[in-house]
Amino acid sequence: MAKTDDRFVKIYSQGTVNIIEIWVDKETGVNYIYRQSGYSGGLTVLLNSDGKPVISKL
């Protein structure tokens, strides 16, 4: 269970073995995409079609 003072919040999750998640930084609103497959994974800023970071209104 997430604490209310956590900086990041997961807003989307898909999959069990091949996982895709979207996390939002509550301080900046910047969205990050996390991808995991087996024992490997990575995190990067989620970009819109103009190549700019996706920013959620908090």
Protein backbone atom coordinates (compact mmCIF):
# COMPACT_ATOMS: atom_id res chain seq x y z
CA MET A 1 0.00 0.00 0.00
CA ALA A 2 1.41 3.40 -1.02
CA LYS A 3 2.07 6.07 1.56
CA THR A 4 0.41 9.42 0.94
CA ASP A 5 3.77 11.24 1.05
CA ASP A 6 5.28 9.18 -1.81
CA ARG A 7 6.62 11.41 -4.59
CA PHE A 8 5.60 9.07 -7.44
CA VAL A 9 2.21 7.52 -8.11
CA LYS A 10 1.44 4.71 -10.57
CA ILE A 11 -1.46 5.71 -12.84
CA TYR A 12 -1.41 2.83 -15.35
CA SER A 13 -0.32 -0.81 -15.35
CA GLN A 14 -0.53 -3.51 -18.01
CA GLY A 15 0.76 -7.09 -18.13
CA THR A 16 2.21 -9.63 -15.71
CA VAL A 17 5.37 -10.93 -17.41
CA ASN A 18 5.88 -8.10 -19.90
CA ILE A 19 4.97 -5.09 -17.77
CA ILE A 20 4.27 -1.51 -18.84
CA GLU A 21 3.56 1.12 -16.20
CA ILE A 22 3.12 4.89 -16.22
CA TRP A 23 4.26 6.82 -13.15
CA VAL A 24 3.67 10.50 -12.37
CA ASP A 25 5.98 12.70 -10.31
CA LYS A 26 3.56 14.45 -7.94
CA GLU A 27 5.88 17.46 -7.55
CA THR A 28 6.41 18.21 -11.27
CA GLY A 29 3.55 16.35 -13.00
CA VAL A 30 6.04 14.71 -15.41
CA ASN A 31 4.98 11.24 -16.64
CA TYR A 32 7.45 8.36 -16.86
CA ILE A 33 7.03 5.03 -18.63
CA TYR A 34 8.48 1.89 -17.08
CA ARG A 35 8.92 -1.29 -19.13
CA GLN A 36 9.91 -4.66 -17.68
CA SER A 37 10.42 -7.95 -19.46
CA GLY A 38 11.70 -10.85 -17.39
CA TYR A 39 14.70 -9.69 -15.35
CA SER A 40 15.30 -6.55 -17.43
CA GLY A 41 13.57 -3.18 -17.18
CA GLY A 42 13.91 0.50 -17.90
CA LEU A 43 12.40 3.88 -17.09
CA THR A 44 12.22 6.97 -19.28
CA VAL A 45 10.26 10.19 -19.63
CA LEU A 46 6.99 9.71 -21.54
CA LEU A 47 6.96 12.00 -24.59
CA ASN A 48 4.04 13.36 -26.59
CA SER A 49 3.91 13.52 -30.41
CA ASP A 50 5.93 16.78 -30.40
CA GLY A 51 8.77 15.15 -28.44
CA LYS A 52 7.97 17.08 -25.24
CA PRO A 53 7.39 15.45 -21.84
CA VAL A 54 3.81 14.54 -20.95
CA ILE A 55 2.83 16.60 -17.91
CA SER A 56 -0.29 15.77 -15.90
CA LYS A 57 -2.23 18.42 -14.01
CA LEU A 58 -2.08 17.61 -10.35
